[in-house]
Every structure is written in structure tokens, then in C-alpha cells.
């Protein structure tokens, strides 16, 4: 869409907002799928477009990674029950 002609300033803002929101959604989906590197890349690009703080993206992805590490650790730390 951006390659078609020369859009007005308001359309550029609309395109940027839409692209940023799509990238944020992609980042959230990547986190859900535990694809943390992809989530970080999508999030950084969204932050650039939306003039948001990139450190918030890192904190969100790091929090998701820590939740996953804790989940994995707790599932491994539980003692196995014998079936006898």
C-alpha cells in the first residue's frame, strides 16, 4: 500500500498505526508460541513505528521467558509418584 503514490500525512499515520498494531499482535502470538526471539523482533519494530519504549518490549519478552523457565523448572522438580 505504501508504494502506491504519495499518501498524505494523515494516511501515513494511519498506516503506521495499523502496522504497529499488527506487529504488536504478532509479538504477542510469538510469545504465546514461545518464539521469544521473534517476539522481540516484532516488538522492537512495533516500538519504532509507534514511538514506544523499546525497553518495555524487552521487559515483556523477558517476563514471558521467565514464566516459561519457572513452569519448566517446576514440572521437572516435582517428585514422580510410583504406581505401586
C-alpha atoms as a PDB file:
ATOM      1  CA  UNK A   1       0.000   0.000   0.000  1.00  0.00           C
ATOM      2  CA  UNK A   2       2.777   2.423   0.867  1.00  0.00           C
ATOM      3  CA  UNK A   3       4.320   2.010  -2.590  1.00  0.00           C
ATOM      4  CA  UNK A   4       1.200   3.336  -4.324  1.00  0.00           C
ATOM      5  CA  UNK A   5       1.654   7.038  -4.865  1.00  0.00           C
ATOM      6  CA  UNK A   6       2.465   9.531  -2.168  1.00  0.00           C
ATOM      7  CA  UNK A   7      -0.041   9.284   0.710  1.00  0.00           C
ATOM      8  CA  UNK A   8      -0.999  12.284   2.812  1.00  0.00           C
ATOM      9  CA  UNK A   9       0.404  12.750   6.311  1.00  0.00           C
ATOM     10  CA  UNK A  10      -2.809  11.502   7.910  1.00  0.00           C
ATOM     11  CA  UNK A  11      -2.710   8.332   5.807  1.00  0.00           C
ATOM     12  CA  UNK A  12       0.929   7.757   6.714  1.00  0.00           C
ATOM     13  CA  UNK A  13      -0.047   7.978  10.402  1.00  0.00           C
ATOM     14  CA  UNK A  14      -2.944   5.583   9.789  1.00  0.00           C
ATOM     15  CA  UNK A  15      -0.669   3.105   8.001  1.00  0.00           C
ATOM     16  CA  UNK A  16       1.939   3.393  10.774  1.00  0.00           C
ATOM     17  CA  UNK A  17      -0.669   2.832  13.487  1.00  0.00           C
ATOM     18  CA  UNK A  18      -2.084  -0.194  11.684  1.00  0.00           C
ATOM     19  CA  UNK A  19       1.358  -1.685  11.001  1.00  0.00           C
ATOM     20  CA  UNK A  20       2.427  -1.109  14.603  1.00  0.00           C
ATOM     21  CA  UNK A  21      -0.699  -2.791  15.951  1.00  0.00           C
ATOM     22  CA  UNK A  22      -0.187  -5.748  13.608  1.00  0.00           C
ATOM     23  CA  UNK A  23       3.403  -6.108  14.798  1.00  0.00           C
ATOM     24  CA  UNK A  24       2.296  -5.950  18.440  1.00  0.00           C
ATOM     25  CA  UNK A  25      -0.232  -8.709  17.730  1.00  0.00           C
ATOM     26  CA  UNK A  26       2.475 -10.757  16.005  1.00  0.00           C
ATOM     27  CA  UNK A  27       4.728 -10.260  19.029  1.00  0.00           C
ATOM     28  CA  UNK A  28       2.006 -11.458  21.398  1.00  0.00           C
ATOM     29  CA  UNK A  29       1.343 -14.504  19.205  1.00  0.00           C
ATOM     30  CA  UNK A  30       5.062 -15.322  19.110  1.00  0.00           C
ATOM     31  CA  UNK A  31       5.212 -15.121  22.916  1.00  0.00           C
ATOM     32  CA  UNK A  32       2.234 -17.459  23.145  1.00  0.00           C
ATOM     33  CA  UNK A  33       4.045 -19.884  20.829  1.00  0.00           C
ATOM     34  CA  UNK A  34       7.219 -19.494  22.915  1.00  0.00           C
ATOM     35  CA  UNK A  35       9.125 -17.985  19.981  1.00  0.00           C
ATOM     36  CA  UNK A  36      10.767 -15.345  22.119  1.00  0.00           C
ATOM     37  CA  UNK A  37      13.350 -14.108  19.630  1.00  0.00           C
ATOM     38  CA  UNK A  38      10.644 -13.487  17.028  1.00  0.00           C
ATOM     39  CA  UNK A  39       8.524 -11.758  19.653  1.00  0.00           C
ATOM     40  CA  UNK A  40      11.395  -9.438  20.459  1.00  0.00           C
ATOM     41  CA  UNK A  41      11.973  -8.601  16.795  1.00  0.00           C
ATOM     42  CA  UNK A  42       8.284  -7.870  16.156  1.00  0.00           C
ATOM     43  CA  UNK A  43       8.053  -5.872  19.359  1.00  0.00           C
ATOM     44  CA  UNK A  44      11.098  -3.747  18.580  1.00  0.00           C
ATOM     45  CA  UNK A  45       9.774  -2.933  15.125  1.00  0.00           C
ATOM     46  CA  UNK A  46       6.362  -2.026  16.595  1.00  0.00           C
ATOM     47  CA  UNK A  47       8.017   0.216  19.185  1.00  0.00           C
ATOM     48  CA  UNK A  48       9.958   2.012  16.446  1.00  0.00           C
ATOM     49  CA  UNK A  49       6.834   2.641  14.416  1.00  0.00           C
ATOM     50  CA  UNK A  50       4.621   3.632  17.364  1.00  0.00           C
ATOM     51  CA  UNK A  51       7.295   5.695  19.159  1.00  0.00           C
ATOM     52  CA  UNK A  52       7.016   3.411  22.189  1.00  0.00           C
ATOM     53  CA  UNK A  53       9.710   2.479  24.681  1.00  0.00           C
ATOM     54  CA  UNK A  54      11.790  -0.450  23.448  1.00  0.00           C
ATOM     55  CA  UNK A  55      12.770  -1.418  26.985  1.00  0.00           C
ATOM     56  CA  UNK A  56       9.109  -2.230  27.674  1.00  0.00           C
ATOM     57  CA  UNK A  57       9.209  -4.735  24.818  1.00  0.00           C
ATOM     58  CA  UNK A  58      12.310  -6.374  26.307  1.00  0.00           C
ATOM     59  CA  UNK A  59      10.678  -6.496  29.744  1.00  0.00           C
ATOM     60  CA  UNK A  60       7.536  -8.119  28.331  1.00  0.00           C
ATOM     61  CA  UNK A  61       9.503 -10.796  26.475  1.00  0.00           C
ATOM     62  CA  UNK A  62      11.829 -11.385  29.427  1.00  0.00           C
ATOM     63  CA  UNK A  63       8.835 -11.818  31.740  1.00  0.00           C
ATOM     64  CA  UNK A  64       7.332 -14.379  29.388  1.00  0.00           C
ATOM     65  CA  UNK A  65      10.650 -16.212  29.193  1.00  0.00           C
ATOM     66  CA  UNK A  66      10.955 -16.291  32.977  1.00  0.00           C
ATOM     67  CA  UNK A  67       7.393 -17.623  33.310  1.00  0.00           C
ATOM     68  CA  UNK A  68       8.264 -20.409  30.892  1.00  0.00           C
ATOM     69  CA  UNK A  69      11.521 -21.209  32.713  1.00  0.00           C
ATOM     70  CA  UNK A  70       9.672 -21.366  36.036  1.00  0.00           C
ATOM     71  CA  UNK A  71       6.993 -23.581  34.524  1.00  0.00           C
ATOM     72  CA  UNK A  72       9.587 -25.965  33.094  1.00  0.00           C
ATOM     73  CA  UNK A  73      11.593 -25.997  36.305  1.00  0.00           C
ATOM     74  CA  UNK A  74       8.565 -26.677  38.499  1.00  0.00           C
ATOM     75  CA  UNK A  75       7.383 -29.517  36.266  1.00  0.00           C
ATOM     76  CA  UNK A  76      10.849 -31.131  36.476  1.00  0.00           C
ATOM     77  CA  UNK A  77      11.194 -30.515  40.211  1.00  0.00           C
ATOM     78  CA  UNK A  78       8.032 -32.383  41.187  1.00  0.00           C
ATOM     79  CA  UNK A  79       8.780 -35.852  42.512  1.00  0.00           C
ATOM     80  CA  UNK A  80       7.497 -38.708  40.422  1.00  0.00           C
ATOM     81  CA  UNK A  81       4.819 -40.804  42.075  1.00  0.00           C
ATOM     82  CA  UNK A  82       5.266 -44.514  41.959  1.00  0.00           C
ATOM     83  CA  UNK A  83       2.346 -46.553  40.692  1.00  0.00           C
ATOM     84  CA  UNK A  84       2.718 -49.256  43.354  1.00  0.00           C
END
